Amino acid sequence: MSQLIQLRQRLKAIGTFKKITGAMRIVSRSLHTRMNKQKKHLLEYQQLIQDLFFDLQGQSQWTCDILFPEPTAPEKILYVIVGAQKGLCGNYNTELNYWIENNLSVLKAKNVSIMTFGKKTSNLIKQHSLNIFQQAPELKNSTLETLADTLTNLLLKSVPSYTQVFLVHAHPETFFTHRLRKDTLIPFEKKQEEKSNDTFWQHCPKLILDTLAHMYLHCLIYNALFSSLLGEQSARFLAMDNATRSANNLLDTMQLQYNKIRQTKITRELTELSSNFK
């Protein structure tokens, strides 16, 4: 009888676990679907800003000491590392962890600062005894704009300015696959080809291009954070879907085992009762 009680308790626990993973799967899928609808518009906006910025940049002698630091300037490097905010998302952070382990010597250099986005990323950094220069608040869809503004202002107002800024984040190639990307934010990508100056500048070209550069940098950061959060939701959905399927299989196996043991006990009791009447 004690064996049946234990099996019933385990069946109840697995059933509760299945409900939790099933609910998390639905929530992750819903958030991913909602964010995926925004993705197309964000990419279109970034492409529009990029084309306009590069086109006007090629028509002027504009330069910016912050975005195009001098090669002779003392090195001041910032690594912005973006990962998952919450757990239960499978191997989403595995590749990021491998990258941190393989670049420990670089990240521990004196002229290197580290900024993290996502609670799990901060935990990974601390596990490797690395110092975090700044840890961003909670990474979620409603805070992306604020976080992108914070990082953009940090890069543009830092004194002395950074000579190199790298953004390391997981980029979802498809719903099922993610690849780690290392984007260079500073030095800025410079337009090499100069076009004929056929634009009428109603205002100061430097003021216009400074504003466009700020907008373009903000777009790059926002889209990287958005892609990372989008990938986290898809990874969590896949992890919870696998967990729900495993719970279903385990429930079927244990229910069959429970029925066999129960039927054996019933048969034994009936046999004992029938033998007493003889």
C-alpha atoms as a PDB file:
ATOM      1  CA  MET A   1       0.000   0.000   0.000  1.00  0.00           C
ATOM      2  CA  SER A   2       2.849   2.389   0.789  1.00  0.00           C
ATOM      3  CA  GLN A   3       4.182   1.900  -2.744  1.00  0.00           C
ATOM      4  CA  LEU A   4       0.835   2.963  -4.205  1.00  0.00           C
ATOM      5  CA  ILE A   5       0.744   6.045  -1.952  1.00  0.00           C
ATOM      6  CA  GLN A   6       4.220   7.064  -3.095  1.00  0.00           C
ATOM      7  CA  LEU A   7       3.248   6.604  -6.740  1.00  0.00           C
ATOM      8  CA  ARG A   8       0.099   8.673  -6.267  1.00  0.00           C
ATOM      9  CA  GLN A   9       2.128  11.468  -4.695  1.00  0.00           C
ATOM     10  CA  ARG A  10       4.637  11.388  -7.540  1.00  0.00           C
ATOM     11  CA  LEU A  11       1.854  11.417 -10.136  1.00  0.00           C
ATOM     12  CA  LYS A  12       0.318  14.449  -8.434  1.00  0.00           C
ATOM     13  CA  ALA A  13       3.691  16.254  -8.305  1.00  0.00           C
ATOM     14  CA  ILE A  14       4.410  15.572 -11.974  1.00  0.00           C
ATOM     15  CA  GLY A  15       0.897  16.726 -12.897  1.00  0.00           C
ATOM     16  CA  THR A  16       1.517  20.027 -11.078  1.00  0.00           C
ATOM     17  CA  PHE A  17       4.871  20.405 -12.813  1.00  0.00           C
ATOM     18  CA  LYS A  18       3.192  19.790 -16.166  1.00  0.00           C
ATOM     19  CA  LYS A  19       0.638  22.544 -15.507  1.00  0.00           C
ATOM     20  CA  ILE A  20       3.418  25.018 -14.654  1.00  0.00           C
ATOM     21  CA  THR A  21       5.529  24.241 -17.731  1.00  0.00           C
ATOM     22  CA  GLY A  22       2.431  24.286 -19.925  1.00  0.00           C
ATOM     23  CA  ALA A  23       1.459  27.732 -18.637  1.00  0.00           C
ATOM     24  CA  MET A  24       4.994  29.082 -19.115  1.00  0.00           C
ATOM     25  CA  ARG A  25       5.037  27.665 -22.640  1.00  0.00           C
ATOM     26  CA  ILE A  26       1.840  29.547 -23.507  1.00  0.00           C
ATOM     27  CA  VAL A  27       3.128  32.811 -21.981  1.00  0.00           C
ATOM     28  CA  SER A  28       6.456  32.597 -23.828  1.00  0.00           C
ATOM     29  CA  ARG A  29       4.753  31.845 -27.122  1.00  0.00           C
ATOM     30  CA  SER A  30       2.349  34.744 -26.650  1.00  0.00           C
ATOM     31  CA  LEU A  31       5.175  37.207 -25.844  1.00  0.00           C
ATOM     32  CA  HIS A  32       7.250  35.960 -28.786  1.00  0.00           C
ATOM     33  CA  THR A  33       4.335  36.346 -31.209  1.00  0.00           C
ATOM     34  CA  ARG A  34       3.651  39.877 -29.982  1.00  0.00           C
ATOM     35  CA  MET A  35       7.317  40.901 -30.232  1.00  0.00           C
ATOM     36  CA  ASN A  36       7.805  39.224 -33.594  1.00  0.00           C
ATOM     37  CA  LYS A  37       5.141  41.502 -35.084  1.00  0.00           C
ATOM     38  CA  GLN A  38       7.231  44.524 -34.029  1.00  0.00           C
ATOM     39  CA  LYS A  39      10.454  43.141 -35.482  1.00  0.00           C
ATOM     40  CA  LYS A  40       9.693  44.005 -39.118  1.00  0.00           C
ATOM     41  CA  HIS A  41       8.921  47.655 -38.305  1.00  0.00           C
ATOM     42  CA  LEU A  42      12.054  48.023 -36.166  1.00  0.00           C
ATOM     43  CA  LEU A  43      14.277  46.677 -38.945  1.00  0.00           C
ATOM     44  CA  GLU A  44      12.643  48.989 -41.492  1.00  0.00           C
ATOM     45  CA  TYR A  45      13.182  51.986 -39.225  1.00  0.00           C
ATOM     46  CA  GLN A  46      16.832  51.064 -38.613  1.00  0.00           C
ATOM     47  CA  GLN A  47      17.433  50.633 -42.349  1.00  0.00           C
ATOM     48  CA  LEU A  48      15.842  54.017 -43.046  1.00  0.00           C
ATOM     49  CA  ILE A  49      18.024  55.789 -40.464  1.00  0.00           C
ATOM     50  CA  GLN A  50      21.117  53.934 -41.685  1.00  0.00           C
ATOM     51  CA  ASP A  51      20.570  54.813 -45.352  1.00  0.00           C
ATOM     52  CA  LEU A  52      19.904  58.473 -44.545  1.00  0.00           C
ATOM     53  CA  PHE A  53      22.894  58.720 -42.211  1.00  0.00           C
ATOM     54  CA  PHE A  54      25.331  57.080 -44.653  1.00  0.00           C
ATOM     55  CA  ASP A  55      24.008  59.120 -47.576  1.00  0.00           C
ATOM     56  CA  LEU A  56      24.462  62.457 -45.782  1.00  0.00           C
ATOM     57  CA  GLN A  57      27.753  61.353 -44.247  1.00  0.00           C
ATOM     58  CA  GLY A  58      29.138  60.771 -47.721  1.00  0.00           C
ATOM     59  CA  GLN A  59      28.235  64.318 -48.735  1.00  0.00           C
ATOM     60  CA  SER A  60      30.141  66.122 -45.968  1.00  0.00           C
ATOM     61  CA  GLN A  61      33.410  66.125 -44.088  1.00  0.00           C
ATOM     62  CA  TRP A  62      31.617  65.327 -40.833  1.00  0.00           C
ATOM     63  CA  THR A  63      33.512  63.614 -38.059  1.00  0.00           C
ATOM     64  CA  CYS A  64      32.969  62.932 -34.364  1.00  0.00           C
ATOM     65  CA  ASP A  65      35.760  62.359 -31.842  1.00  0.00           C
ATOM     66  CA  ILE A  66      33.540  60.099 -29.700  1.00  0.00           C
ATOM     67  CA  LEU A  67      32.358  57.823 -32.487  1.00  0.00           C
ATOM     68  CA  PHE A  68      35.639  57.940 -34.449  1.00  0.00           C
ATOM     69  CA  PRO A  69      38.327  57.989 -31.713  1.00  0.00           C
ATOM     70  CA  GLU A  70      41.927  58.756 -32.599  1.00  0.00           C
ATOM     71  CA  PRO A  71      44.124  55.646 -33.034  1.00  0.00           C
ATOM     72  CA  THR A  72      46.694  57.199 -30.705  1.00  0.00           C
ATOM     73  CA  ALA A  73      44.204  57.752 -27.847  1.00  0.00           C
ATOM     74  CA  PRO A  74      44.723  55.695 -24.648  1.00  0.00           C
ATOM     75  CA  GLU A  75      42.721  52.495 -24.863  1.00  0.00           C
ATOM     76  CA  LYS A  76      39.434  52.450 -22.978  1.00  0.00           C
ATOM     77  CA  ILE A  77      37.337  49.424 -23.927  1.00  0.00           C
ATOM     78  CA  LEU A  78      33.773  48.537 -22.975  1.00  0.00           C
ATOM     79  CA  TYR A  79      32.149  45.125 -23.431  1.00  0.00           C
ATOM     80  CA  VAL A  80      28.349  45.183 -23.287  1.00  0.00           C
ATOM     81  CA  ILE A  81      27.194  41.608 -22.696  1.00  0.00           C
ATOM     82  CA  VAL A  82      23.515  40.762 -23.131  1.00  0.00           C
ATOM     83  CA  GLY A  83      21.947  37.495 -21.993  1.00  0.00           C
ATOM     84  CA  ALA A  84      18.792  36.072 -20.471  1.00  0.00           C
ATOM     85  CA  GLN A  85      16.917  37.933 -17.763  1.00  0.00           C
ATOM     86  CA  LYS A  86      15.286  34.816 -16.330  1.00  0.00           C
ATOM     87  CA  GLY A  87      16.028  31.112 -16.242  1.00  0.00           C
ATOM     88  CA  LEU A  88      14.234  28.073 -17.667  1.00  0.00           C
ATOM     89  CA  CYS A  89      15.292  28.842 -21.238  1.00  0.00           C
ATOM     90  CA  GLY A  90      17.365  25.752 -22.023  1.00  0.00           C
ATOM     91  CA  ASN A  91      20.843  26.236 -23.448  1.00  0.00           C
ATOM     92  CA  TYR A  92      20.229  29.860 -24.449  1.00  0.00           C
ATOM     93  CA  ASN A  93      23.206  31.102 -22.411  1.00  0.00           C
ATOM     94  CA  THR A  94      25.497  28.153 -23.165  1.00  0.00           C
ATOM     95  CA  GLU A  95      27.297  29.747 -26.109  1.00  0.00           C
ATOM     96  CA  LEU A  96      27.616  33.016 -24.177  1.00  0.00           C
ATOM     97  CA  ASN A  97      29.203  31.157 -21.267  1.00  0.00           C
ATOM     98  CA  TYR A  98      31.704  29.493 -23.643  1.00  0.00           C
ATOM     99  CA  TRP A  99      32.585  32.905 -25.095  1.00  0.00           C
ATOM    100  CA  ILE A 100      33.198  34.360 -21.618  1.00  0.00           C
ATOM    101  CA  GLU A 101      35.421  31.406 -20.673  1.00  0.00           C
ATOM    102  CA  ASN A 102      37.448  31.736 -23.889  1.00  0.00           C
ATOM    103  CA  ASN A 103      37.917  35.505 -23.438  1.00  0.00           C
ATOM    104  CA  LEU A 104      38.691  35.691 -19.727  1.00  0.00           C
ATOM    105  CA  SER A 105      42.166  37.132 -20.338  1.00  0.00           C
ATOM    106  CA  VAL A 106      40.682  39.937 -22.457  1.00  0.00           C
ATOM    107  CA  LEU A 107      37.860  40.716 -20.026  1.00  0.00           C
ATOM    108  CA  LYS A 108      40.241  40.854 -17.047  1.00  0.00           C
ATOM    109  CA  ALA A 109      42.456  43.536 -18.634  1.00  0.00           C
ATOM    110  CA  LYS A 110      42.761  46.787 -16.684  1.00  0.00           C
ATOM    111  CA  ASN A 111      41.533  48.976 -19.521  1.00  0.00           C
ATOM    112  CA  VAL A 112      38.390  46.847 -20.063  1.00  0.00           C
ATOM    113  CA  SER A 113      35.011  47.575 -18.453  1.00  0.00           C
ATOM    114  CA  ILE A 114      32.006  45.251 -18.513  1.00  0.00           C
ATOM    115  CA  MET A 115      28.347  46.211 -18.625  1.00  0.00           C
ATOM    116  CA  THR A 116      25.691  43.499 -18.406  1.00  0.00           C
ATOM    117  CA  PHE A 117      22.067  43.228 -19.450  1.00  0.00           C
ATOM    118  CA  GLY A 118      20.060  40.399 -17.942  1.00  0.00           C
ATOM    119  CA  LYS A 119      20.258  38.869 -14.472  1.00  0.00           C
ATOM    120  CA  LYS A 120      21.611  35.534 -15.722  1.00  0.00           C
ATOM    121  CA  THR A 121      24.420  37.329 -17.562  1.00  0.00           C
ATOM    122  CA  SER A 122      25.497  39.083 -14.369  1.00  0.00           C
ATOM    123  CA  ASN A 123      25.569  35.740 -12.553  1.00  0.00           C
ATOM    124  CA  LEU A 124      27.765  34.237 -15.299  1.00  0.00           C
ATOM    125  CA  ILE A 125      30.204  37.141 -15.061  1.00  0.00           C
ATOM    126  CA  LYS A 126      30.394  36.907 -11.258  1.00  0.00           C
ATOM    127  CA  GLN A 127      31.027  33.153 -11.441  1.00  0.00           C
ATOM    128  CA  HIS A 128      34.222  33.896 -13.364  1.00  0.00           C
ATOM    129  CA  SER A 129      35.328  36.511 -10.782  1.00  0.00           C
ATOM    130  CA  LEU A 130      34.969  39.400 -13.238  1.00  0.00           C
ATOM    131  CA  ASN A 131      34.064  42.898 -12.123  1.00  0.00           C
ATOM    132  CA  ILE A 132      30.925  44.497 -13.542  1.00  0.00           C
ATOM    133  CA  PHE A 133      31.259  48.198 -14.269  1.00  0.00           C
ATOM    134  CA  GLN A 134      27.499  48.634 -14.537  1.00  0.00           C
ATOM    135  CA  GLN A 135      24.539  46.276 -14.325  1.00  0.00           C
ATOM    136  CA  ALA A 136      21.397  47.306 -16.187  1.00  0.00           C
ATOM    137  CA  PRO A 137      17.961  47.035 -14.543  1.00  0.00           C
ATOM    138  CA  GLU A 138      15.496  44.320 -15.484  1.00  0.00           C
ATOM    139  CA  LEU A 139      15.555  43.479 -19.190  1.00  0.00           C
ATOM    140  CA  LYS A 140      12.011  43.257 -20.519  1.00  0.00           C
ATOM    141  CA  ASN A 141      10.020  44.620 -23.430  1.00  0.00           C
ATOM    142  CA  SER A 142       8.662  47.611 -21.500  1.00  0.00           C
ATOM    143  CA  THR A 143      12.154  48.765 -20.438  1.00  0.00           C
ATOM    144  CA  LEU A 144      14.000  48.385 -23.753  1.00  0.00           C
ATOM    145  CA  GLU A 145      13.645  52.049 -24.700  1.00  0.00           C
ATOM    146  CA  THR A 146      14.973  53.237 -21.338  1.00  0.00           C
ATOM    147  CA  LEU A 147      17.869  50.767 -21.387  1.00  0.00           C
ATOM    148  CA  ALA A 148      18.841  51.749 -24.938  1.00  0.00           C
ATOM    149  CA  ASP A 149      18.765  55.443 -23.969  1.00  0.00           C
ATOM    150  CA  THR A 150      20.910  54.747 -20.898  1.00  0.00           C
ATOM    151  CA  LEU A 151      23.604  52.945 -22.873  1.00  0.00           C
ATOM    152  CA  THR A 152      23.551  55.494 -25.735  1.00  0.00           C
ATOM    153  CA  ASN A 153      24.009  58.400 -23.327  1.00  0.00           C
ATOM    154  CA  LEU A 154      26.745  56.511 -21.486  1.00  0.00           C
ATOM    155  CA  LEU A 155      28.736  56.076 -24.692  1.00  0.00           C
ATOM    156  CA  LEU A 156      28.270  59.650 -25.876  1.00  0.00           C
ATOM    157  CA  LYS A 157      28.895  61.391 -22.539  1.00  0.00           C
ATOM    158  CA  SER A 158      31.687  59.265 -21.089  1.00  0.00           C
ATOM    159  CA  VAL A 159      34.832  61.206 -20.157  1.00  0.00           C
ATOM    160  CA  PRO A 160      37.302  60.162 -21.394  1.00  0.00           C
ATOM    161  CA  SER A 161      35.428  58.596 -24.275  1.00  0.00           C
ATOM    162  CA  TYR A 162      35.676  54.904 -25.146  1.00  0.00           C
ATOM    163  CA  THR A 163      38.060  53.897 -27.911  1.00  0.00           C
ATOM    164  CA  GLN A 164      36.296  50.571 -28.487  1.00  0.00           C
ATOM    165  CA  VAL A 165      32.812  49.352 -27.567  1.00  0.00           C
ATOM    166  CA  PHE A 166      31.649  45.818 -28.333  1.00  0.00           C
ATOM    167  CA  LEU A 167      28.111  44.498 -27.972  1.00  0.00           C
ATOM    168  CA  VAL A 168      27.962  40.730 -27.374  1.00  0.00           C
ATOM    169  CA  HIS A 169      24.509  39.177 -27.582  1.00  0.00           C
ATOM    170  CA  ALA A 170      22.607  36.124 -28.765  1.00  0.00           C
ATOM    171  CA  HIS A 171      20.929  36.677 -32.118  1.00  0.00           C
ATOM    172  CA  PRO A 172      18.001  34.423 -33.171  1.00  0.00           C
ATOM    173  CA  GLU A 173      18.595  33.215 -36.726  1.00  0.00           C
ATOM    174  CA  THR A 174      15.369  31.179 -36.692  1.00  0.00           C
ATOM    175  CA  PHE A 175      12.831  30.261 -34.052  1.00  0.00           C
ATOM    176  CA  PHE A 176      14.898  27.192 -33.170  1.00  0.00           C
ATOM    177  CA  THR A 177      18.504  28.404 -33.539  1.00  0.00           C
ATOM    178  CA  HIS A 178      20.518  31.226 -31.950  1.00  0.00           C
ATOM    179  CA  ARG A 179      24.007  32.438 -32.733  1.00  0.00           C
ATOM    180  CA  LEU A 180      26.276  34.627 -30.648  1.00  0.00           C
ATOM    181  CA  ARG A 181      27.131  37.970 -32.258  1.00  0.00           C
ATOM    182  CA  LYS A 182      29.793  40.518 -31.449  1.00  0.00           C
ATOM    183  CA  ASP A 183      28.883  43.923 -32.884  1.00  0.00           C
ATOM    184  CA  THR A 184      31.273  46.883 -32.870  1.00  0.00           C
ATOM    185  CA  LEU A 185      29.540  50.081 -31.773  1.00  0.00           C
ATOM    186  CA  ILE A 186      32.685  52.218 -31.496  1.00  0.00           C
ATOM    187  CA  PRO A 187      34.553  53.036 -33.667  1.00  0.00           C
ATOM    188  CA  PHE A 188      31.555  53.776 -35.825  1.00  0.00           C
ATOM    189  CA  GLU A 189      31.198  52.406 -39.317  1.00  0.00           C
ATOM    190  CA  LYS A 190      32.362  55.164 -41.658  1.00  0.00           C
ATOM    191  CA  LYS A 191      31.140  55.758 -45.191  1.00  0.00           C
ATOM    192  CA  GLN A 192      34.137  55.533 -47.477  1.00  0.00           C
ATOM    193  CA  GLU A 193      32.582  56.706 -50.738  1.00  0.00           C
ATOM    194  CA  GLU A 194      31.970  60.412 -50.980  1.00  0.00           C
ATOM    195  CA  LYS A 195      28.995  61.460 -53.077  1.00  0.00           C
ATOM    196  CA  SER A 196      28.448  64.720 -54.858  1.00  0.00           C
ATOM    197  CA  ASN A 197      27.172  67.378 -52.529  1.00  0.00           C
ATOM    198  CA  ASP A 198      23.665  67.859 -53.973  1.00  0.00           C
ATOM    199  CA  THR A 199      21.911  68.286 -50.619  1.00  0.00           C
ATOM    200  CA  PHE A 200      20.698  71.671 -49.466  1.00  0.00           C
ATOM    201  CA  TRP A 201      21.652  71.997 -45.799  1.00  0.00           C
ATOM    202  CA  GLN A 202      19.098  74.270 -44.175  1.00  0.00           C
ATOM    203  CA  HIS A 203      20.834  73.773 -40.813  1.00  0.00           C
ATOM    204  CA  CYS A 204      24.395  73.071 -39.763  1.00  0.00           C
ATOM    205  CA  PRO A 205      25.531  69.733 -41.307  1.00  0.00           C
ATOM    206  CA  LYS A 206      27.388  68.795 -38.126  1.00  0.00           C
ATOM    207  CA  LEU A 207      24.276  69.297 -35.983  1.00  0.00           C
ATOM    208  CA  ILE A 208      22.168  67.187 -38.355  1.00  0.00           C
ATOM    209  CA  LEU A 209      24.702  64.368 -38.594  1.00  0.00           C
ATOM    210  CA  ASP A 210      25.328  64.392 -34.846  1.00  0.00           C
ATOM    211  CA  THR A 211      21.589  63.906 -34.322  1.00  0.00           C
ATOM    212  CA  LEU A 212      21.395  61.148 -36.945  1.00  0.00           C
ATOM    213  CA  ALA A 213      24.430  59.413 -35.447  1.00  0.00           C
ATOM    214  CA  HIS A 214      22.749  59.472 -32.028  1.00  0.00           C
ATOM    215  CA  MET A 215      19.562  58.016 -33.531  1.00  0.00           C
ATOM    216  CA  TYR A 216      21.462  55.344 -35.464  1.00  0.00           C
ATOM    217  CA  LEU A 217      23.475  54.280 -32.407  1.00  0.00           C
ATOM    218  CA  HIS A 218      20.256  54.105 -30.394  1.00  0.00           C
ATOM    219  CA  CYS A 219      18.677  51.920 -33.118  1.00  0.00           C
ATOM    220  CA  LEU A 220      21.613  49.505 -33.126  1.00  0.00           C
ATOM    221  CA  ILE A 221      21.469  49.093 -29.350  1.00  0.00           C
ATOM    222  CA  TYR A 222      17.681  48.848 -29.167  1.00  0.00           C
ATOM    223  CA  ASN A 223      17.466  46.222 -31.920  1.00  0.00           C
ATOM    224  CA  ALA A 224      20.255  44.154 -30.329  1.00  0.00           C
ATOM    225  CA  LEU A 225      18.447  44.160 -26.965  1.00  0.00           C
ATOM    226  CA  PHE A 226      15.145  43.432 -28.697  1.00  0.00           C
ATOM    227  CA  SER A 227      16.618  40.492 -30.651  1.00  0.00           C
ATOM    228  CA  SER A 228      18.181  39.075 -27.502  1.00  0.00           C
ATOM    229  CA  LEU A 229      14.880  39.255 -25.617  1.00  0.00           C
ATOM    230  CA  LEU A 230      13.036  37.754 -28.592  1.00  0.00           C
ATOM    231  CA  GLY A 231      15.488  34.850 -28.685  1.00  0.00           C
ATOM    232  CA  GLU A 232      15.079  34.325 -24.935  1.00  0.00           C
ATOM    233  CA  GLN A 233      11.318  33.921 -25.343  1.00  0.00           C
ATOM    234  CA  SER A 234      11.668  31.386 -28.164  1.00  0.00           C
ATOM    235  CA  ALA A 235      14.306  29.450 -26.202  1.00  0.00           C
ATOM    236  CA  ARG A 236      12.059  29.382 -23.128  1.00  0.00           C
ATOM    237  CA  PHE A 237       9.121  28.170 -25.214  1.00  0.00           C
ATOM    238  CA  LEU A 238      11.188  25.299 -26.629  1.00  0.00           C
ATOM    239  CA  ALA A 239      12.509  24.368 -23.174  1.00  0.00           C
ATOM    240  CA  MET A 240       9.035  24.408 -21.609  1.00  0.00           C
ATOM    241  CA  ASP A 241       7.572  22.507 -24.565  1.00  0.00           C
ATOM    242  CA  ASN A 242      10.179  19.758 -24.136  1.00  0.00           C
ATOM    243  CA  ALA A 243       9.566  19.710 -20.386  1.00  0.00           C
ATOM    244  CA  THR A 244       5.802  19.377 -20.904  1.00  0.00           C
ATOM    245  CA  ARG A 245       6.291  16.520 -23.366  1.00  0.00           C
ATOM    246  CA  SER A 246       8.646  14.749 -20.959  1.00  0.00           C
ATOM    247  CA  ALA A 247       6.113  15.182 -18.139  1.00  0.00           C
ATOM    248  CA  ASN A 248       3.412  13.659 -20.333  1.00  0.00           C
ATOM    249  CA  ASN A 249       5.598  10.647 -21.157  1.00  0.00           C
ATOM    250  CA  LEU A 250       6.553  10.195 -17.507  1.00  0.00           C
ATOM    251  CA  LEU A 251       2.918  10.444 -16.429  1.00  0.00           C
ATOM    252  CA  ASP A 252       1.912   7.744 -18.940  1.00  0.00           C
ATOM    253  CA  THR A 253       4.713   5.438 -17.786  1.00  0.00           C
ATOM    254  CA  MET A 254       4.024   5.922 -14.085  1.00  0.00           C
ATOM    255  CA  GLN A 255       0.260   5.620 -14.518  1.00  0.00           C
ATOM    256  CA  LEU A 256       0.789   2.281 -16.250  1.00  0.00           C
ATOM    257  CA  GLN A 257       3.088   1.171 -13.444  1.00  0.00           C
ATOM    258  CA  TYR A 258       0.554   2.326 -10.856  1.00  0.00           C
ATOM    259  CA  ASN A 259      -2.260   0.414 -12.565  1.00  0.00           C
ATOM    260  CA  LYS A 260      -0.177  -2.769 -12.761  1.00  0.00           C
ATOM    261  CA  ILE A 261       0.750  -2.657  -9.061  1.00  0.00           C
ATOM    262  CA  ARG A 262      -2.823  -1.826  -8.080  1.00  0.00           C
ATOM    263  CA  GLN A 263      -4.231  -4.639 -10.204  1.00  0.00           C
ATOM    264  CA  THR A 264      -1.692  -7.078  -8.741  1.00  0.00           C
ATOM    265  CA  LYS A 265      -2.712  -6.146  -5.195  1.00  0.00           C
ATOM    266  CA  ILE A 266      -6.413  -6.483  -6.042  1.00  0.00           C
ATOM    267  CA  THR A 267      -5.831  -9.889  -7.638  1.00  0.00           C
ATOM    268  CA  ARG A 268      -3.847 -11.039  -4.615  1.00  0.00           C
ATOM    269  CA  GLU A 269      -6.554  -9.908  -2.176  1.00  0.00           C
ATOM    270  CA  LEU A 270      -9.273 -11.627  -4.236  1.00  0.00           C
ATOM    271  CA  THR A 271      -7.221 -14.807  -4.278  1.00  0.00           C
ATOM    272  CA  GLU A 272      -6.763 -14.696  -0.515  1.00  0.00           C
ATOM    273  CA  LEU A 273     -10.488 -14.078   0.049  1.00  0.00           C
ATOM    274  CA  SER A 274     -11.536 -16.896  -2.274  1.00  0.00           C
ATOM    275  CA  SER A 275      -9.128 -19.303  -0.570  1.00  0.00           C
ATOM    276  CA  ASN A 276     -10.680 -18.522   2.832  1.00  0.00           C
ATOM    277  CA  PHE A 277     -14.113 -19.658   1.651  1.00  0.00           C
ATOM    278  CA  LYS A 278     -12.859 -23.115   0.643  1.00  0.00           C
END
